[in-house]
Amino acid sequence: MASFLLIGGVRSGKSSWAVNYAQHYKSKLYIATAEPCDADMRMRIQKHQQERGEGWTTIEAGTNILYALEQAGDPYDCIVIDCLTIWTARIMEESKSHDDLIMKWVEPMVERIKAISKDVIIVTNEVGMGVHPAYESGRQYRDLLGLVNQRFAQACGNVLLFVAGIPTAIKGHLPE
């Protein structure tokens, strides 16, 4: 079993790498967190669906990643969770921005992922290297996602940083 956290900026190649890497598995599960709330998001979701192609089981989990993992059972060789960035924003919105409450969502997910005996690939954005957000809510989100990413990075055996489509192992190793 291998676990990967794929982290990088927007359009850095994380999701494409996750899908390409998982293609060699016989049974694949894709857990999506995005919701088609506007035209841009609908287009992004459609692009991801086309990129995956056939042979995937997809669960549109929204904020319920843990429930999706529990309901999926054990028939999958590889699970892709895309992405913690949107998941964190949605949890932050639902919980009215209480960091302690949000982190209580994280721990059961981390423990469940650590218990999975299959390969798990988790996609997230690195937002702490960009422009300092002008609004308090943006700064709170950036800080919270940083904490979420740290926790998942601790739990995963491999952490790959993506820049311009190129992965670099910052923990563990790049798979062959």
N, C-alpha and C. Protein backbone atom coordinates (compact mmCIF):
# COMPACT_ATOMS: atom_id res chain seq x y z
N MET A 1 0.84 -1.19 0.00
CA MET A 1 0.00 0.00 0.00
C MET A 1 0.87 1.23 0.00
N ALA A 2 0.55 2.17 -0.86
CA ALA A 2 1.26 3.44 -0.91
C ALA A 2 0.24 4.57 -0.80
N SER A 3 0.63 5.60 -0.08
CA SER A 3 -0.23 6.78 0.00
C SER A 3 0.57 7.97 -0.51
N PHE A 4 -0.10 8.78 -1.32
CA PHE A 4 0.53 9.94 -1.93
C PHE A 4 -0.30 11.18 -1.64
N LEU A 5 0.36 12.24 -1.20
CA LEU A 5 -0.25 13.56 -1.17
C LEU A 5 0.40 14.34 -2.30
N LEU A 6 -0.42 14.80 -3.25
CA LEU A 6 0.06 15.59 -4.38
C LEU A 6 -0.28 17.03 -4.09
N ILE A 7 0.75 17.87 -3.99
CA ILE A 7 0.54 19.27 -3.61
C ILE A 7 1.24 20.18 -4.60
N GLY A 8 0.62 21.29 -4.91
CA GLY A 8 1.21 22.26 -5.82
C GLY A 8 0.20 23.35 -6.11
N GLY A 9 0.58 24.26 -6.95
CA GLY A 9 -0.31 25.36 -7.31
C GLY A 9 -1.39 24.93 -8.28
N VAL A 10 -2.25 25.87 -8.61
CA VAL A 10 -3.31 25.63 -9.58
C VAL A 10 -2.68 25.31 -10.93
N ARG A 11 -3.21 24.31 -11.60
CA ARG A 11 -2.76 23.89 -12.93
C ARG A 11 -1.29 23.43 -12.94
N SER A 12 -0.86 22.86 -11.82
CA SER A 12 0.53 22.40 -11.75
C SER A 12 0.68 20.95 -12.20
N GLY A 13 -0.43 20.27 -12.51
CA GLY A 13 -0.36 18.92 -13.04
C GLY A 13 -0.72 17.82 -12.04
N LYS A 14 -1.18 18.18 -10.88
CA LYS A 14 -1.47 17.21 -9.81
C LYS A 14 -2.55 16.21 -10.22
N SER A 15 -3.70 16.72 -10.63
CA SER A 15 -4.83 15.83 -10.95
C SER A 15 -4.52 14.96 -12.16
N SER A 16 -3.88 15.54 -13.16
CA SER A 16 -3.52 14.74 -14.34
C SER A 16 -2.56 13.62 -13.97
N TRP A 17 -1.59 13.93 -13.13
CA TRP A 17 -0.65 12.90 -12.68
C TRP A 17 -1.38 11.80 -11.93
N ALA A 18 -2.29 12.18 -11.03
CA ALA A 18 -3.04 11.20 -10.24
C ALA A 18 -3.81 10.25 -11.15
N VAL A 19 -4.50 10.80 -12.13
CA VAL A 19 -5.29 9.98 -13.06
C VAL A 19 -4.38 9.09 -13.90
N ASN A 20 -3.32 9.66 -14.43
CA ASN A 20 -2.39 8.86 -15.25
C ASN A 20 -1.74 7.75 -14.44
N TYR A 21 -1.33 8.04 -13.24
CA TYR A 21 -0.70 7.02 -12.39
C TYR A 21 -1.68 5.89 -12.08
N ALA A 22 -2.92 6.25 -11.82
CA ALA A 22 -3.92 5.25 -11.44
C ALA A 22 -4.42 4.41 -12.62
N GLN A 23 -4.14 4.81 -13.84
CA GLN A 23 -4.68 4.10 -15.00
C GLN A 23 -4.26 2.63 -15.05
N HIS A 24 -3.12 2.28 -14.50
CA HIS A 24 -2.67 0.88 -14.59
C HIS A 24 -3.38 -0.04 -13.59
N TYR A 25 -4.18 0.53 -12.70
CA TYR A 25 -4.93 -0.30 -11.76
C TYR A 25 -6.19 -0.83 -12.41
N LYS A 26 -6.57 -2.02 -12.02
CA LYS A 26 -7.77 -2.63 -12.59
C LYS A 26 -9.03 -1.92 -12.12
N SER A 27 -9.16 -1.74 -10.81
CA SER A 27 -10.36 -1.07 -10.29
C SER A 27 -9.96 0.20 -9.56
N LYS A 28 -10.55 1.31 -10.00
CA LYS A 28 -10.17 2.63 -9.52
C LYS A 28 -11.41 3.38 -9.02
N LEU A 29 -11.21 4.07 -7.90
CA LEU A 29 -12.27 4.90 -7.34
C LEU A 29 -11.80 6.34 -7.33
N TYR A 30 -12.65 7.24 -7.82
CA TYR A 30 -12.38 8.66 -7.82
C TYR A 30 -13.40 9.31 -6.90
N ILE A 31 -12.92 9.94 -5.83
CA ILE A 31 -13.80 10.65 -4.90
C ILE A 31 -13.64 12.14 -5.18
N ALA A 32 -14.72 12.74 -5.67
CA ALA A 32 -14.71 14.15 -6.06
C ALA A 32 -15.35 15.00 -4.97
N THR A 33 -14.76 16.17 -4.73
CA THR A 33 -15.29 17.07 -3.71
C THR A 33 -15.97 18.30 -4.31
N ALA A 34 -15.75 18.55 -5.59
CA ALA A 34 -16.30 19.76 -6.23
C ALA A 34 -17.79 19.61 -6.48
N GLU A 35 -18.44 20.74 -6.51
CA GLU A 35 -19.87 20.79 -6.80
C GLU A 35 -20.07 21.73 -7.99
N PRO A 36 -20.89 21.35 -8.97
CA PRO A 36 -21.07 22.20 -10.15
C PRO A 36 -21.94 23.42 -9.85
N CYS A 37 -21.33 24.38 -9.12
CA CYS A 37 -22.10 25.53 -8.63
C CYS A 37 -22.19 26.69 -9.62
N ASP A 38 -21.33 26.69 -10.64
CA ASP A 38 -21.39 27.74 -11.66
C ASP A 38 -20.82 27.18 -12.97
N ALA A 39 -20.87 27.99 -14.01
CA ALA A 39 -20.44 27.52 -15.34
C ALA A 39 -18.96 27.11 -15.35
N ASP A 40 -18.12 27.88 -14.69
CA ASP A 40 -16.69 27.55 -14.66
C ASP A 40 -16.45 26.21 -13.96
N MET A 41 -17.09 26.01 -12.84
CA MET A 41 -16.89 24.75 -12.11
C MET A 41 -17.47 23.57 -12.90
N ARG A 42 -18.59 23.76 -13.57
CA ARG A 42 -19.15 22.69 -14.41
C ARG A 42 -18.17 22.31 -15.51
N MET A 43 -17.52 23.32 -16.11
CA MET A 43 -16.53 23.06 -17.16
C MET A 43 -15.32 22.31 -16.59
N ARG A 44 -14.86 22.69 -15.42
CA ARG A 44 -13.70 22.03 -14.80
C ARG A 44 -14.03 20.57 -14.47
N ILE A 45 -15.20 20.35 -13.93
CA ILE A 45 -15.63 18.99 -13.59
C ILE A 45 -15.71 18.14 -14.85
N GLN A 46 -16.31 18.69 -15.89
CA GLN A 46 -16.42 17.96 -17.16
C GLN A 46 -15.05 17.61 -17.72
N LYS A 47 -14.10 18.54 -17.63
CA LYS A 47 -12.74 18.30 -18.11
C LYS A 47 -12.11 17.15 -17.33
N HIS A 48 -12.28 17.15 -16.02
CA HIS A 48 -11.73 16.06 -15.20
C HIS A 48 -12.37 14.72 -15.56
N GLN A 49 -13.68 14.73 -15.81
CA GLN A 49 -14.36 13.49 -16.18
C GLN A 49 -13.83 12.96 -17.51
N GLN A 50 -13.65 13.84 -18.48
CA GLN A 50 -13.12 13.42 -19.78
C GLN A 50 -11.69 12.91 -19.64
N GLU A 51 -10.91 13.55 -18.82
CA GLU A 51 -9.52 13.15 -18.60
C GLU A 51 -9.44 11.74 -18.01
N ARG A 52 -10.36 11.44 -17.11
CA ARG A 52 -10.37 10.11 -16.50
C ARG A 52 -10.76 9.04 -17.50
N GLY A 53 -11.72 9.33 -18.32
CA GLY A 53 -12.20 8.34 -19.26
C GLY A 53 -13.01 7.26 -18.57
N GLU A 54 -13.09 6.11 -19.22
CA GLU A 54 -13.89 5.01 -18.68
C GLU A 54 -13.04 4.16 -17.73
N GLY A 55 -13.72 3.30 -17.01
CA GLY A 55 -13.02 2.39 -16.11
C GLY A 55 -12.89 2.89 -14.70
N TRP A 56 -13.52 4.01 -14.40
CA TRP A 56 -13.48 4.58 -13.06
C TRP A 56 -14.86 4.49 -12.41
N THR A 57 -14.88 4.26 -11.12
CA THR A 57 -16.08 4.49 -10.34
C THR A 57 -15.89 5.85 -9.70
N THR A 58 -16.90 6.70 -9.82
CA THR A 58 -16.80 8.04 -9.25
C THR A 58 -17.87 8.22 -8.19
N ILE A 59 -17.46 8.77 -7.05
CA ILE A 59 -18.39 9.16 -6.00
C ILE A 59 -18.27 10.67 -5.85
N GLU A 60 -19.38 11.36 -6.05
CA GLU A 60 -19.44 12.80 -5.84
C GLU A 60 -19.69 13.02 -4.35
N ALA A 61 -18.63 13.10 -3.57
CA ALA A 61 -18.72 13.09 -2.11
C ALA A 61 -19.01 14.44 -1.50
N GLY A 62 -18.68 15.51 -2.20
CA GLY A 62 -18.83 16.82 -1.57
C GLY A 62 -17.95 16.88 -0.33
N THR A 63 -18.56 17.18 0.81
CA THR A 63 -17.80 17.24 2.06
C THR A 63 -17.71 15.89 2.76
N ASN A 64 -18.38 14.89 2.24
CA ASN A 64 -18.47 13.59 2.93
C ASN A 64 -17.46 12.57 2.41
N ILE A 65 -16.18 12.95 2.40
CA ILE A 65 -15.14 12.02 1.95
C ILE A 65 -15.10 10.78 2.83
N LEU A 66 -15.17 10.97 4.12
CA LEU A 66 -15.10 9.83 5.04
C LEU A 66 -16.25 8.86 4.77
N TYR A 67 -17.45 9.37 4.61
CA TYR A 67 -18.60 8.53 4.30
C TYR A 67 -18.39 7.80 2.97
N ALA A 68 -17.86 8.51 1.98
CA ALA A 68 -17.60 7.89 0.67
C ALA A 68 -16.60 6.75 0.81
N LEU A 69 -15.55 6.97 1.58
CA LEU A 69 -14.56 5.91 1.80
C LEU A 69 -15.18 4.70 2.48
N GLU A 70 -16.03 4.94 3.45
CA GLU A 70 -16.68 3.83 4.17
C GLU A 70 -17.67 3.10 3.29
N GLN A 71 -18.41 3.82 2.47
CA GLN A 71 -19.40 3.20 1.59
C GLN A 71 -18.78 2.47 0.41
N ALA A 72 -17.60 2.90 0.01
CA ALA A 72 -16.95 2.31 -1.16
C ALA A 72 -16.54 0.86 -0.91
N GLY A 73 -16.30 0.53 0.34
CA GLY A 73 -15.87 -0.83 0.63
C GLY A 73 -14.44 -1.07 0.19
N ASP A 74 -14.14 -2.30 -0.14
CA ASP A 74 -12.75 -2.69 -0.39
C ASP A 74 -12.47 -3.21 -1.79
N PRO A 75 -13.34 -3.01 -2.79
CA PRO A 75 -13.05 -3.64 -4.08
C PRO A 75 -12.06 -2.87 -4.96
N TYR A 76 -11.55 -1.73 -4.50
CA TYR A 76 -10.73 -0.87 -5.35
C TYR A 76 -9.25 -1.07 -5.06
N ASP A 77 -8.46 -1.09 -6.13
CA ASP A 77 -7.01 -1.19 -6.01
C ASP A 77 -6.38 0.17 -5.74
N CYS A 78 -7.05 1.23 -6.18
CA CYS A 78 -6.52 2.58 -6.05
C CYS A 78 -7.67 3.56 -5.83
N ILE A 79 -7.45 4.51 -4.93
CA ILE A 79 -8.44 5.54 -4.64
C ILE A 79 -7.79 6.90 -4.84
N VAL A 80 -8.45 7.75 -5.62
CA VAL A 80 -8.00 9.13 -5.83
C VAL A 80 -9.02 10.04 -5.17
N ILE A 81 -8.54 10.94 -4.32
CA ILE A 81 -9.38 11.95 -3.68
C ILE A 81 -8.97 13.30 -4.23
N ASP A 82 -9.89 13.98 -4.90
CA ASP A 82 -9.58 15.23 -5.57
C ASP A 82 -10.68 16.25 -5.26
N CYS A 83 -10.52 17.21 -4.41
CA CYS A 83 -9.28 17.60 -3.78
C CYS A 83 -9.56 18.17 -2.39
N LEU A 84 -8.53 18.19 -1.57
CA LEU A 84 -8.65 18.73 -0.21
C LEU A 84 -8.86 20.24 -0.21
N THR A 85 -8.43 20.91 -1.27
CA THR A 85 -8.55 22.36 -1.37
C THR A 85 -10.02 22.77 -1.35
N ILE A 86 -10.80 22.15 -2.21
CA ILE A 86 -12.23 22.47 -2.28
C ILE A 86 -12.93 21.94 -1.04
N TRP A 87 -12.55 20.74 -0.61
CA TRP A 87 -13.15 20.15 0.59
C TRP A 87 -12.99 21.08 1.79
N THR A 88 -11.78 21.61 1.98
CA THR A 88 -11.52 22.50 3.12
C THR A 88 -12.37 23.76 3.03
N ALA A 89 -12.49 24.33 1.84
CA ALA A 89 -13.31 25.54 1.67
C ALA A 89 -14.77 25.25 2.01
N ARG A 90 -15.25 24.11 1.57
CA ARG A 90 -16.65 23.77 1.82
C ARG A 90 -16.89 23.47 3.31
N ILE A 91 -15.94 22.79 3.95
CA ILE A 91 -16.07 22.52 5.39
C ILE A 91 -16.01 23.83 6.16
N MET A 92 -15.13 24.72 5.76
CA MET A 92 -15.00 26.03 6.41
C MET A 92 -16.31 26.79 6.32
N GLU A 93 -16.94 26.74 5.16
CA GLU A 93 -18.22 27.43 4.96
C GLU A 93 -19.32 26.80 5.83
N GLU A 94 -19.38 25.47 5.84
CA GLU A 94 -20.42 24.78 6.62
C GLU A 94 -20.24 24.96 8.12
N SER A 95 -19.00 25.03 8.59
CA SER A 95 -18.76 25.10 10.03
C SER A 95 -18.61 26.53 10.52
N LYS A 96 -18.86 27.47 9.65
CA LYS A 96 -18.75 28.90 9.99
C LYS A 96 -17.35 29.27 10.46
N SER A 97 -16.35 28.66 9.82
CA SER A 97 -14.95 29.02 9.98
C SER A 97 -14.34 28.71 11.35
N HIS A 98 -14.84 27.77 12.06
CA HIS A 98 -14.25 27.38 13.34
C HIS A 98 -13.15 26.35 13.10
N ASP A 99 -11.89 26.78 13.24
CA ASP A 99 -10.76 25.92 12.92
C ASP A 99 -10.76 24.62 13.71
N ASP A 100 -11.06 24.68 14.99
CA ASP A 100 -11.06 23.47 15.82
C ASP A 100 -12.08 22.46 15.31
N LEU A 101 -13.24 22.94 14.95
CA LEU A 101 -14.29 22.06 14.43
C LEU A 101 -13.86 21.45 13.10
N ILE A 102 -13.24 22.24 12.27
CA ILE A 102 -12.79 21.75 10.97
C ILE A 102 -11.73 20.67 11.14
N MET A 103 -10.78 20.89 12.04
CA MET A 103 -9.72 19.90 12.25
C MET A 103 -10.30 18.60 12.83
N LYS A 104 -11.44 18.67 13.49
CA LYS A 104 -12.10 17.44 13.97
C LYS A 104 -12.62 16.60 12.80
N TRP A 105 -12.86 17.21 11.65
CA TRP A 105 -13.23 16.47 10.43
C TRP A 105 -12.01 15.76 9.86
N VAL A 106 -10.85 16.37 10.05
CA VAL A 106 -9.62 15.87 9.43
C VAL A 106 -9.15 14.56 10.06
N GLU A 107 -9.12 14.50 11.37
CA GLU A 107 -8.54 13.33 12.05
C GLU A 107 -9.19 12.00 11.67
N PRO A 108 -10.52 11.89 11.67
CA PRO A 108 -11.11 10.60 11.26
C PRO A 108 -10.78 10.24 9.81
N MET A 109 -10.69 11.25 8.93
CA MET A 109 -10.32 10.97 7.54
C MET A 109 -8.89 10.45 7.46
N VAL A 110 -8.00 11.09 8.18
CA VAL A 110 -6.59 10.67 8.19
C VAL A 110 -6.48 9.24 8.70
N GLU A 111 -7.16 8.94 9.77
CA GLU A 111 -7.09 7.59 10.34
C GLU A 111 -7.67 6.56 9.37
N ARG A 112 -8.74 6.89 8.70
CA ARG A 112 -9.35 5.97 7.73
C ARG A 112 -8.40 5.74 6.56
N ILE A 113 -7.80 6.79 6.07
CA ILE A 113 -6.87 6.65 4.95
C ILE A 113 -5.67 5.81 5.35
N LYS A 114 -5.16 6.01 6.55
CA LYS A 114 -4.02 5.21 7.01
C LYS A 114 -4.37 3.73 7.13
N ALA A 115 -5.65 3.43 7.35
CA ALA A 115 -6.09 2.04 7.52
C ALA A 115 -6.38 1.33 6.20
N ILE A 116 -6.47 2.07 5.10
CA ILE A 116 -6.79 1.48 3.81
C ILE A 116 -5.59 0.68 3.31
N SER A 117 -5.85 -0.52 2.87
CA SER A 117 -4.77 -1.39 2.41
C SER A 117 -4.54 -1.28 0.89
N LYS A 118 -5.05 -0.26 0.29
CA LYS A 118 -4.90 -0.01 -1.16
C LYS A 118 -4.12 1.28 -1.35
N ASP A 119 -3.72 1.55 -2.57
CA ASP A 119 -3.05 2.81 -2.86
C ASP A 119 -4.06 3.96 -2.82
N VAL A 120 -3.66 5.05 -2.18
CA VAL A 120 -4.50 6.24 -2.05
C VAL A 120 -3.71 7.44 -2.53
N ILE A 121 -4.33 8.23 -3.40
CA ILE A 121 -3.71 9.44 -3.93
C ILE A 121 -4.62 10.60 -3.57
N ILE A 122 -4.08 11.58 -2.86
CA ILE A 122 -4.85 12.73 -2.41
C ILE A 122 -4.28 13.99 -3.07
N VAL A 123 -5.15 14.79 -3.66
CA VAL A 123 -4.74 16.00 -4.36
C VAL A 123 -5.11 17.21 -3.51
N THR A 124 -4.20 18.18 -3.44
CA THR A 124 -4.46 19.42 -2.72
C THR A 124 -3.62 20.54 -3.31
N ASN A 125 -4.00 21.76 -3.02
CA ASN A 125 -3.23 22.92 -3.50
C ASN A 125 -2.35 23.46 -2.39
N GLU A 126 -1.20 23.98 -2.79
CA GLU A 126 -0.35 24.74 -1.88
C GLU A 126 -0.73 26.20 -2.09
N VAL A 127 -1.34 26.81 -1.09
CA VAL A 127 -1.78 28.20 -1.22
C VAL A 127 -0.95 29.15 -0.37
N GLY A 128 0.00 28.64 0.38
CA GLY A 128 0.80 29.48 1.26
C GLY A 128 1.98 30.15 0.58
N MET A 129 2.21 29.86 -0.69
CA MET A 129 3.37 30.44 -1.38
C MET A 129 2.97 31.60 -2.30
N GLY A 130 1.70 31.94 -2.28
CA GLY A 130 1.21 32.96 -3.20
C GLY A 130 1.06 34.32 -2.55
N VAL A 131 0.21 35.13 -3.12
CA VAL A 131 -0.06 36.48 -2.65
C VAL A 131 -0.74 36.42 -1.29
N HIS A 132 -0.37 37.33 -0.42
CA HIS A 132 -1.01 37.44 0.89
C HIS A 132 -2.45 37.90 0.68
N PRO A 133 -3.44 37.09 1.11
CA PRO A 133 -4.84 37.48 0.86
C PRO A 133 -5.19 38.82 1.49
N ALA A 134 -5.97 39.59 0.78
CA ALA A 134 -6.35 40.93 1.24
C ALA A 134 -7.41 40.90 2.33
N TYR A 135 -8.18 39.81 2.40
CA TYR A 135 -9.29 39.75 3.34
C TYR A 135 -9.02 38.72 4.43
N GLU A 136 -9.60 38.98 5.59
CA GLU A 136 -9.40 38.08 6.74
C GLU A 136 -9.85 36.66 6.41
N SER A 137 -10.98 36.51 5.71
CA SER A 137 -11.47 35.16 5.39
C SER A 137 -10.48 34.43 4.49
N GLY A 138 -9.84 35.13 3.56
CA GLY A 138 -8.83 34.52 2.70
C GLY A 138 -7.61 34.09 3.48
N ARG A 139 -7.19 34.92 4.43
CA ARG A 139 -6.04 34.55 5.27
C ARG A 139 -6.38 33.36 6.16
N GLN A 140 -7.60 33.35 6.68
CA GLN A 140 -8.02 32.23 7.52
C GLN A 140 -8.05 30.93 6.70
N TYR A 141 -8.57 31.01 5.49
CA TYR A 141 -8.62 29.84 4.62
C TYR A 141 -7.21 29.34 4.29
N ARG A 142 -6.33 30.25 3.90
CA ARG A 142 -4.95 29.87 3.58
C ARG A 142 -4.29 29.18 4.77
N ASP A 143 -4.47 29.74 5.96
CA ASP A 143 -3.85 29.16 7.16
C ASP A 143 -4.45 27.80 7.48
N LEU A 144 -5.77 27.69 7.36
CA LEU A 144 -6.43 26.43 7.66
C LEU A 144 -6.03 25.34 6.67
N LEU A 145 -6.02 25.67 5.37
CA LEU A 145 -5.60 24.67 4.39
C LEU A 145 -4.16 24.25 4.65
N GLY A 146 -3.32 25.17 5.07
CA GLY A 146 -1.95 24.81 5.43
C GLY A 146 -1.92 23.77 6.54
N LEU A 147 -2.77 23.92 7.56
CA LEU A 147 -2.84 22.94 8.66
C LEU A 147 -3.37 21.60 8.17
N VAL A 148 -4.42 21.64 7.33
CA VAL A 148 -4.98 20.40 6.76
C VAL A 148 -3.91 19.68 5.95
N ASN A 149 -3.22 20.42 5.09
CA ASN A 149 -2.17 19.81 4.27
C ASN A 149 -1.07 19.21 5.13
N GLN A 150 -0.68 19.90 6.19
CA GLN A 150 0.35 19.36 7.08
C GLN A 150 -0.07 18.03 7.67
N ARG A 151 -1.31 17.94 8.10
CA ARG A 151 -1.78 16.71 8.73
C ARG A 151 -1.79 15.55 7.74
N PHE A 152 -2.27 15.79 6.52
CA PHE A 152 -2.28 14.73 5.52
C PHE A 152 -0.85 14.38 5.07
N ALA A 153 0.03 15.37 5.00
CA ALA A 153 1.42 15.10 4.64
C ALA A 153 2.09 14.21 5.69
N GLN A 154 1.77 14.42 6.96
CA GLN A 154 2.31 13.56 8.01
C GLN A 154 1.82 12.13 7.85
N ALA A 155 0.58 11.97 7.43
CA ALA A 155 -0.04 10.64 7.36
C ALA A 155 0.35 9.86 6.11
N CYS A 156 0.71 10.56 5.04
CA CYS A 156 1.03 9.89 3.78
C CYS A 156 2.51 9.52 3.72
N GLY A 157 2.79 8.38 3.11
CA GLY A 157 4.16 7.92 2.96
C GLY A 157 4.94 8.70 1.92
N ASN A 158 4.23 9.29 0.96
CA ASN A 158 4.87 10.02 -0.12
C ASN A 158 4.17 11.36 -0.31
N VAL A 159 4.97 12.41 -0.40
CA VAL A 159 4.43 13.74 -0.69
C VAL A 159 5.19 14.24 -1.91
N LEU A 160 4.41 14.54 -2.96
CA LEU A 160 5.00 15.01 -4.21
C LEU A 160 4.59 16.46 -4.44
N LEU A 161 5.58 17.32 -4.63
CA LEU A 161 5.33 18.72 -4.94
C LEU A 161 5.38 18.89 -6.45
N PHE A 162 4.35 19.55 -7.01
CA PHE A 162 4.25 19.76 -8.45
C PHE A 162 4.51 21.22 -8.80
N VAL A 163 5.41 21.40 -9.76
CA VAL A 163 5.69 22.72 -10.31
C VAL A 163 5.78 22.55 -11.82
N ALA A 164 4.96 23.27 -12.57
CA ALA A 164 4.98 23.24 -14.03
C ALA A 164 4.85 21.81 -14.57
N GLY A 165 4.03 21.01 -13.91
CA GLY A 165 3.79 19.65 -14.38
C GLY A 165 4.84 18.64 -13.97
N ILE A 166 5.84 19.07 -13.23
CA ILE A 166 6.93 18.18 -12.84
C ILE A 166 6.83 17.86 -11.35
N PRO A 167 6.71 16.56 -11.02
CA PRO A 167 6.65 16.19 -9.61
C PRO A 167 8.06 16.02 -9.02
N THR A 168 8.20 16.46 -7.79
CA THR A 168 9.41 16.26 -7.03
C THR A 168 9.03 15.65 -5.70
N ALA A 169 9.67 14.57 -5.31
CA ALA A 169 9.38 13.94 -4.03
C ALA A 169 9.98 14.80 -2.91
N ILE A 170 9.13 15.26 -2.01
CA ILE A 170 9.61 15.97 -0.84
C ILE A 170 9.50 15.10 0.41
N LYS A 171 8.84 13.98 0.25
CA LYS A 171 8.78 12.94 1.29
C LYS A 171 8.57 11.62 0.55
N GLY A 172 9.29 10.60 0.93
CA GLY A 172 9.15 9.31 0.24
C GLY A 172 9.85 9.35 -1.09
N HIS A 173 9.17 8.82 -2.12
CA HIS A 173 9.82 8.71 -3.43
C HIS A 173 8.82 8.86 -4.56
N LEU A 174 9.34 9.17 -5.73
CA LEU A 174 8.52 9.16 -6.94
C LEU A 174 8.36 7.71 -7.37
N PRO A 175 7.15 7.29 -7.71
CA PRO A 175 7.00 5.93 -8.21
C PRO A 175 7.61 5.77 -9.59
N GLU A 176 7.99 4.56 -9.91
CA GLU A 176 8.60 4.30 -11.22
C GLU A 176 7.57 4.22 -12.31
